[in-house]
Amino acid sequence: MKILLTGGAGYIGSHSLLKVLQSDHEVMVFDNFSKASPEALERVKRLSNKNFEVHEGDIRDRASITDACMAFRPDIVIHFAGLKAVGESVEQPLSYYEHNVFGTTQLLRAMEKSGCKNIVFSSTATVYGSPQYLPYDEKHPLAPESPYAKSKMMVEHIISDWNIANPDTTGVILRYFNPVGAHESHEIGEDPQGYPNNLMPFVQQVAIGKRPFLHIHGNDYDTGDGTGVRDYIHIDDLAQAHLDAVNFASKSTGTHHFNIGTGRGYSVLEVVTAFEAASGKSIPNKIGPRRAGNIAEMAADPQKAKTILGWSARYDMDAMCKSAWGFQSQNPNGYEK
């Protein structure tokens, strides 16, 4: 199968790229490298011992994404490209709607022109908003609370409407919980550009000595220790979910939503404790105010993905922390040489 990965050089994209290459699919990566390093792609080539096409371009540029689709003629697109930081989206909402919503419409136009009928979309569990009940299942009402989450919900609706208007098309929407960790080789992992927006890379940078302490955004939530609780998923499990989604999309039509999480929540302080045990490093921290757009607790009900996709998470928090530390300790400056 021919698979186009938008944002394929990013954290989730690079791990999924490796997974689909190992399954003998033909691949093109489309990326503008604004938030990712070409070095990640070079490492994937070495790990897979396979080559693939790379088209540098911006998802908002219809000519560029159309050229890529027409040249490659994909059977399916895995759509990662976009912006993804909750806090940043509150400060820069227009950028998030432009990249995530407008960019996706340009991609769908390009897919139509090239005859591609299948898309796997990188969505987020934050579309659910504050929980009416936990764990979230796919029937939970959508009430996103940040521009980032709202932009993802809009794209979900756009893909669904596109599927309705084109009954022979498929949209598989994966609602991620919190990806962490790295590949077992420690060659590829999370390498944020600038100030980290997620917990684990911040913890990693404190452990390696790049930052003096961890900022914890609020300890007055209604949780066991007052810090926010999230459902963390190993990046390799998440990459496998994309491969399973590709296989499902190839024999389905319509729109399908799946939670991709473990069903187990961990607080910020629990993650810090687990990382300290995995790395042997102390993680000093300071408590600050809550971050706009954050909610107290999230956890997935992953049963639908298990039943329909045949997917389930394999790795626990200990494995997530060990792999994350393995990548950070072997690559103290990330992908910079």
Protein backbone atom coordinates (compact mmCIF):
# COMPACT_ATOMS: atom_id res chain seq x y z
CA MET A 1 0.00 0.00 0.00
CA LYS A 2 1.17 3.56 -0.74
CA ILE A 3 1.00 5.75 2.36
CA LEU A 4 1.56 9.51 2.58
CA LEU A 5 2.46 10.82 6.04
CA THR A 6 1.97 14.54 6.57
CA GLY A 7 4.18 15.70 9.42
CA GLY A 8 6.04 12.43 9.14
CA ALA A 9 9.28 13.82 10.60
CA GLY A 10 7.69 14.75 13.91
CA TYR A 11 7.64 12.79 17.15
CA ILE A 12 4.57 10.66 16.47
CA GLY A 13 5.09 10.77 12.70
CA SER A 14 8.64 9.37 12.79
CA HIS A 15 7.70 6.43 15.03
CA SER A 16 4.67 5.64 12.87
CA LEU A 17 6.82 5.98 9.76
CA LEU A 18 9.17 3.32 11.09
CA LYS A 19 6.24 1.04 11.87
CA VAL A 20 4.70 1.26 8.38
CA LEU A 21 8.09 0.81 6.69
CA GLN A 22 8.67 -2.34 8.74
CA SER A 23 5.34 -3.61 7.37
CA ASP A 24 6.62 -3.16 3.80
CA HIS A 25 4.43 -0.25 2.75
CA GLU A 26 5.62 2.31 0.20
CA VAL A 27 5.88 5.72 1.86
CA MET A 28 6.19 9.43 1.17
CA VAL A 29 6.77 11.95 3.98
CA PHE A 30 5.39 15.48 3.59
CA ASP A 31 6.79 17.95 6.15
CA ASN A 32 7.88 21.58 6.37
CA PHE A 33 10.35 20.79 9.21
CA SER A 34 9.17 23.79 11.25
CA LYS A 35 8.76 21.62 14.35
CA ALA A 36 10.84 18.61 13.34
CA SER A 37 14.34 17.64 12.24
CA PRO A 38 15.34 15.93 8.99
CA GLU A 39 17.75 13.93 11.15
CA ALA A 40 14.79 11.95 12.49
CA LEU A 41 14.09 10.72 8.95
CA GLU A 42 17.74 9.74 8.44
CA ARG A 43 17.59 7.66 11.61
CA VAL A 44 14.37 5.98 10.51
CA LYS A 45 16.07 5.04 7.25
CA ARG A 46 18.90 3.40 9.18
CA LEU A 47 16.59 1.61 11.59
CA SER A 48 14.33 0.27 8.84
CA ASN A 49 17.06 -0.24 6.24
CA LYS A 50 14.55 1.18 3.75
CA ASN A 51 14.26 4.32 1.70
CA PHE A 52 11.25 6.54 1.14
CA GLU A 53 10.34 9.76 -0.64
CA VAL A 54 10.40 13.11 1.16
CA HIS A 55 8.50 16.16 -0.09
CA GLU A 56 9.25 19.37 1.79
CA GLY A 57 6.23 21.64 1.90
CA ASP A 58 3.59 23.33 4.02
CA ILE A 59 0.18 21.72 4.50
CA ARG A 60 -1.46 25.14 4.00
CA ASP A 61 0.03 25.44 0.50
CA ARG A 62 -2.48 23.69 -1.74
CA ALA A 63 -0.10 23.64 -4.71
CA SER A 64 2.62 21.95 -2.66
CA ILE A 65 0.43 19.25 -1.11
CA THR A 66 -1.34 18.69 -4.44
CA ASP A 67 2.00 18.23 -6.21
CA ALA A 68 2.99 15.65 -3.60
CA CYS A 69 -0.30 13.75 -3.89
CA MET A 70 -0.29 13.80 -7.68
CA ALA A 71 3.32 12.61 -7.86
CA PHE A 72 2.92 9.84 -5.28
CA ARG A 73 -0.76 8.83 -5.75
CA PRO A 74 -1.24 7.51 -2.20
CA ASP A 75 -3.81 4.88 -1.28
CA ILE A 76 -4.11 6.43 2.18
CA VAL A 77 -2.92 9.50 4.08
CA ILE A 78 -1.91 9.51 7.74
CA HIS A 79 -2.37 13.14 8.73
CA PHE A 80 -0.08 14.33 11.56
CA ALA A 81 0.82 17.83 10.32
CA GLY A 82 -0.36 20.68 12.53
CA LEU A 83 0.19 22.58 15.76
CA LYS A 84 -0.41 20.82 19.08
CA ALA A 85 0.26 22.88 22.23
CA VAL A 86 -2.76 23.75 24.39
CA GLY A 87 -1.17 26.78 26.08
CA GLU A 88 0.24 28.18 22.86
CA SER A 89 -3.16 27.81 21.17
CA VAL A 90 -4.73 30.08 23.80
CA GLU A 91 -2.14 32.74 22.96
CA GLN A 92 -2.17 32.20 19.16
CA PRO A 93 -5.63 30.90 18.22
CA LEU A 94 -5.55 32.08 14.61
CA SER A 95 -2.36 30.12 13.92
CA TYR A 96 -4.03 26.96 15.20
CA TYR A 97 -7.13 27.37 13.04
CA GLU A 98 -4.99 28.22 10.03
CA HIS A 99 -2.62 25.26 10.37
CA ASN A 100 -4.99 22.62 11.67
CA VAL A 101 -8.30 23.47 10.01
CA PHE A 102 -7.37 25.29 6.81
CA GLY A 103 -4.39 22.99 6.29
CA THR A 104 -6.61 19.93 6.43
CA THR A 105 -9.03 21.34 3.85
CA GLN A 106 -6.09 21.83 1.47
CA LEU A 107 -5.02 18.23 2.08
CA LEU A 108 -8.50 16.86 1.39
CA ARG A 109 -8.66 18.86 -1.86
CA ALA A 110 -5.32 17.39 -2.89
CA MET A 111 -6.51 13.89 -1.99
CA GLU A 112 -9.62 14.35 -4.11
CA LYS A 113 -7.57 15.47 -7.10
CA SER A 114 -5.21 12.50 -6.82
CA GLY A 115 -7.97 9.95 -6.19
CA CYS A 116 -7.01 9.10 -2.60
CA LYS A 117 -10.07 8.02 -0.62
CA ASN A 118 -8.70 7.15 2.83
CA ILE A 119 -7.37 9.22 5.71
CA VAL A 120 -6.21 8.43 9.26
CA PHE A 121 -6.37 11.62 11.31
CA SER A 122 -4.30 12.56 14.33
CA SER A 123 -6.91 13.94 16.74
CA THR A 124 -6.84 14.35 20.52
CA ALA A 125 -8.73 13.34 23.64
CA THR A 126 -8.96 17.04 24.55
CA VAL A 127 -11.97 17.25 22.19
CA TYR A 128 -13.98 15.78 25.08
CA GLY A 129 -13.30 18.70 27.43
CA SER A 130 -14.06 18.41 31.14
CA PRO A 131 -15.33 14.90 31.78
CA GLN A 132 -19.01 14.26 32.39
CA TYR A 133 -17.84 10.77 33.33
CA LEU A 134 -14.60 8.80 33.31
CA PRO A 135 -13.13 6.99 31.56
CA TYR A 136 -14.10 8.73 28.34
CA ASP A 137 -15.65 6.51 25.70
CA GLU A 138 -16.18 7.61 22.11
CA LYS A 139 -19.82 8.53 22.86
CA HIS A 140 -18.80 11.13 25.46
CA PRO A 141 -20.06 14.61 24.41
CA LEU A 142 -17.49 16.87 22.76
CA ALA A 143 -16.82 20.11 24.63
CA PRO A 144 -13.27 21.28 23.76
CA GLU A 145 -11.89 24.04 25.97
CA SER A 146 -8.86 25.36 24.05
CA PRO A 147 -8.36 26.59 20.48
CA TYR A 148 -6.14 23.55 19.91
CA ALA A 149 -8.89 21.14 20.93
CA LYS A 150 -11.53 23.13 19.07
CA SER A 151 -9.45 23.03 15.89
CA LYS A 152 -9.16 19.24 16.16
CA MET A 153 -12.91 18.89 16.68
CA MET A 154 -13.53 21.05 13.62
CA VAL A 155 -11.30 18.80 11.53
CA GLU A 156 -13.15 15.72 12.80
CA HIS A 157 -16.40 17.30 11.58
CA ILE A 158 -14.84 18.26 8.24
CA ILE A 159 -13.63 14.70 7.63
CA SER A 160 -17.03 13.30 8.61
CA ASP A 161 -18.81 15.66 6.20
CA TRP A 162 -16.31 14.74 3.48
CA ASN A 163 -17.04 11.05 4.07
CA ILE A 164 -20.81 11.69 3.88
CA ALA A 165 -20.44 13.63 0.63
CA ASN A 166 -18.18 10.88 -0.77
CA PRO A 167 -19.61 7.54 0.43
CA ASP A 168 -16.69 5.52 -0.94
CA THR A 169 -14.20 7.31 1.33
CA THR A 170 -12.96 6.44 4.82
CA GLY A 171 -11.92 8.59 7.75
CA VAL A 172 -10.35 6.94 10.79
CA ILE A 173 -10.04 9.44 13.62
CA LEU A 174 -7.65 8.51 16.43
CA ARG A 175 -8.17 10.45 19.64
CA TYR A 176 -4.78 10.26 21.34
CA PHE A 177 -4.29 10.58 25.03
CA ASN A 178 -0.70 11.54 26.06
CA PRO A 179 2.13 9.99 24.00
CA VAL A 180 5.46 9.56 25.78
CA GLY A 181 8.60 7.45 25.50
CA ALA A 182 10.89 6.55 22.63
CA HIS A 183 11.80 3.73 20.29
CA GLU A 184 13.66 0.82 21.89
CA SER A 185 16.82 1.71 19.93
CA HIS A 186 16.83 5.15 21.60
CA GLU A 187 17.63 6.54 18.15
CA ILE A 188 14.32 8.37 17.75
CA GLY A 189 12.26 10.06 20.44
CA GLU A 190 10.65 13.33 21.47
CA ASP A 191 12.79 16.37 20.68
CA PRO A 192 10.70 19.53 21.16
CA GLN A 193 11.86 22.74 19.54
CA GLY A 194 12.30 25.50 22.13
CA TYR A 195 10.32 25.44 25.37
CA PRO A 196 8.63 22.05 25.92
CA ASN A 197 4.85 22.16 26.04
CA ASN A 198 4.39 18.64 27.40
CA LEU A 199 5.35 17.08 30.72
CA MET A 200 7.70 14.25 29.75
CA PRO A 201 10.21 16.18 27.60
CA PHE A 202 10.37 18.82 30.33
CA VAL A 203 11.11 16.13 32.92
CA GLN A 204 13.75 14.65 30.60
CA GLN A 205 15.47 18.01 30.19
CA VAL A 206 15.57 18.55 33.96
CA ALA A 207 17.06 15.07 34.41
CA ILE A 208 19.79 15.70 31.84
CA GLY A 209 20.65 19.08 33.40
CA LYS A 210 19.34 21.38 30.65
CA ARG A 211 16.76 22.93 33.00
CA PRO A 212 17.07 23.56 36.75
CA PHE A 213 13.60 22.40 37.78
CA LEU A 214 10.18 21.28 36.56
CA HIS A 215 7.31 23.76 36.43
CA ILE A 216 4.15 22.06 37.72
CA HIS A 217 1.07 23.94 36.56
CA GLY A 218 -1.25 23.75 39.54
CA ASN A 219 -1.52 21.46 42.57
CA ASP A 220 -5.06 22.37 43.57
CA TYR A 221 -7.00 20.11 41.20
CA ASP A 222 -9.55 17.66 42.58
CA THR A 223 -7.19 14.69 42.19
CA GLY A 224 -5.36 12.41 44.60
CA ASP A 225 -2.32 14.68 45.05
CA GLY A 226 -3.72 17.89 43.54
CA THR A 227 -1.77 17.69 40.29
CA GLY A 228 -3.30 16.96 36.90
CA VAL A 229 -3.95 13.34 35.93
CA ARG A 230 -3.46 12.07 32.39
CA ASP A 231 -3.59 8.77 30.53
CA TYR A 232 -0.07 8.27 29.12
CA ILE A 233 0.61 5.95 26.20
CA HIS A 234 3.93 4.62 24.94
CA ILE A 235 4.84 6.03 21.53
CA ASP A 236 5.38 2.52 20.12
CA ASP A 237 1.85 1.55 21.11
CA LEU A 238 0.55 4.70 19.42
CA ALA A 239 2.52 3.96 16.26
CA GLN A 240 1.03 0.46 16.17
CA ALA A 241 -2.45 1.99 16.42
CA HIS A 242 -1.78 3.87 13.18
CA LEU A 243 -0.74 0.70 11.39
CA ASP A 244 -3.88 -1.05 12.65
CA ALA A 245 -5.96 1.95 11.54
CA VAL A 246 -4.45 1.78 8.04
CA ASN A 247 -5.37 -1.89 7.77
CA PHE A 248 -8.91 -1.15 8.97
CA ALA A 249 -9.38 1.83 6.62
CA SER A 250 -8.37 -0.23 3.60
CA LYS A 251 -11.50 -2.36 3.96
CA SER A 252 -13.99 0.14 5.39
CA THR A 253 -15.94 3.27 4.46
CA GLY A 254 -17.41 6.10 6.50
CA THR A 255 -16.09 7.82 9.63
CA HIS A 256 -14.78 5.91 12.63
CA HIS A 257 -13.55 7.29 15.97
CA PHE A 258 -11.20 5.49 18.37
CA ASN A 259 -9.67 6.37 21.73
CA ILE A 260 -5.98 5.51 21.87
CA GLY A 261 -4.96 5.28 25.52
CA THR A 262 -4.31 2.74 28.27
CA GLY A 263 -7.28 3.39 30.55
CA ARG A 264 -4.95 4.24 33.46
CA GLY A 265 -4.31 7.78 34.65
CA TYR A 266 -1.13 9.08 36.33
CA SER A 267 -0.71 12.39 38.13
CA VAL A 268 2.17 14.74 37.38
CA LEU A 269 3.85 13.79 40.65
CA GLU A 270 3.41 10.07 39.93
CA VAL A 271 5.12 10.53 36.55
CA VAL A 272 7.98 12.43 38.22
CA THR A 273 8.44 9.63 40.77
CA ALA A 274 8.42 6.98 38.05
CA PHE A 275 10.96 8.91 35.98
CA GLU A 276 13.25 9.38 38.94
CA ALA A 277 13.19 5.62 39.50
CA ALA A 278 13.87 4.88 35.81
CA SER A 279 16.69 7.40 35.42
CA GLY A 280 18.26 7.49 38.87
CA LYS A 281 18.07 11.29 38.66
CA SER A 282 16.37 13.75 40.99
CA ILE A 283 13.68 15.98 39.41
CA PRO A 284 13.31 19.16 41.49
CA ASN A 285 10.06 21.02 40.88
CA LYS A 286 8.23 24.25 41.60
CA ILE A 287 4.47 24.68 41.79
CA GLY A 288 2.94 27.46 39.71
CA PRO A 289 -0.57 28.50 38.69
CA ARG A 290 -2.81 26.38 36.52
CA ARG A 291 -2.27 26.64 32.77
CA ALA A 292 -5.15 27.99 30.69
CA GLY A 293 -7.10 25.30 28.87
CA ASN A 294 -6.02 22.41 31.13
CA ILE A 295 -8.49 20.16 32.92
CA ALA A 296 -8.04 18.09 36.08
CA GLU A 297 -8.21 14.50 34.91
CA MET A 298 -8.38 12.40 31.75
CA ALA A 299 -8.47 8.66 31.13
CA ALA A 300 -9.47 6.58 28.11
CA ASP A 301 -11.87 3.74 27.62
CA PRO A 302 -9.91 1.94 24.86
CA GLN A 303 -12.33 -0.97 24.45
CA LYS A 304 -13.60 0.08 21.01
CA ALA A 305 -10.08 0.13 19.55
CA LYS A 306 -9.44 -3.29 21.04
CA THR A 307 -12.67 -4.76 19.67
CA ILE A 308 -12.63 -3.25 16.17
CA LEU A 309 -8.97 -2.51 15.39
CA GLY A 310 -7.54 -5.38 17.43
CA TRP A 311 -5.30 -2.85 19.17
CA SER A 312 -4.39 -2.55 22.83
CA ALA A 313 -1.57 -0.89 24.76
CA ARG A 314 1.32 -3.12 25.83
CA TYR A 315 3.67 -0.86 27.77
CA ASP A 316 3.39 0.52 31.32
CA MET A 317 4.70 3.76 32.84
CA ASP A 318 7.99 2.14 33.84
CA ALA A 319 8.70 1.21 30.22
CA MET A 320 7.64 4.67 29.04
CA CYS A 321 10.05 6.39 31.44
CA LYS A 322 12.95 4.03 30.72
CA SER A 323 12.69 4.52 26.96
CA ALA A 324 12.29 8.30 27.31
CA TRP A 325 15.40 8.47 29.49
CA GLY A 326 17.27 6.20 27.09
CA PHE A 327 16.67 8.61 24.21
CA GLN A 328 17.42 11.73 26.26
CA SER A 329 20.59 10.37 27.87
CA GLN A 330 21.98 9.18 24.52
CA ASN A 331 20.88 12.37 22.75
CA PRO A 332 21.33 15.16 25.30
CA ASN A 333 20.79 17.78 22.60
CA GLY A 334 18.10 15.88 20.77
CA TYR A 335 18.71 15.51 17.06
CA GLU A 336 21.37 18.24 17.01
CA LYS A 337 24.73 16.78 16.08
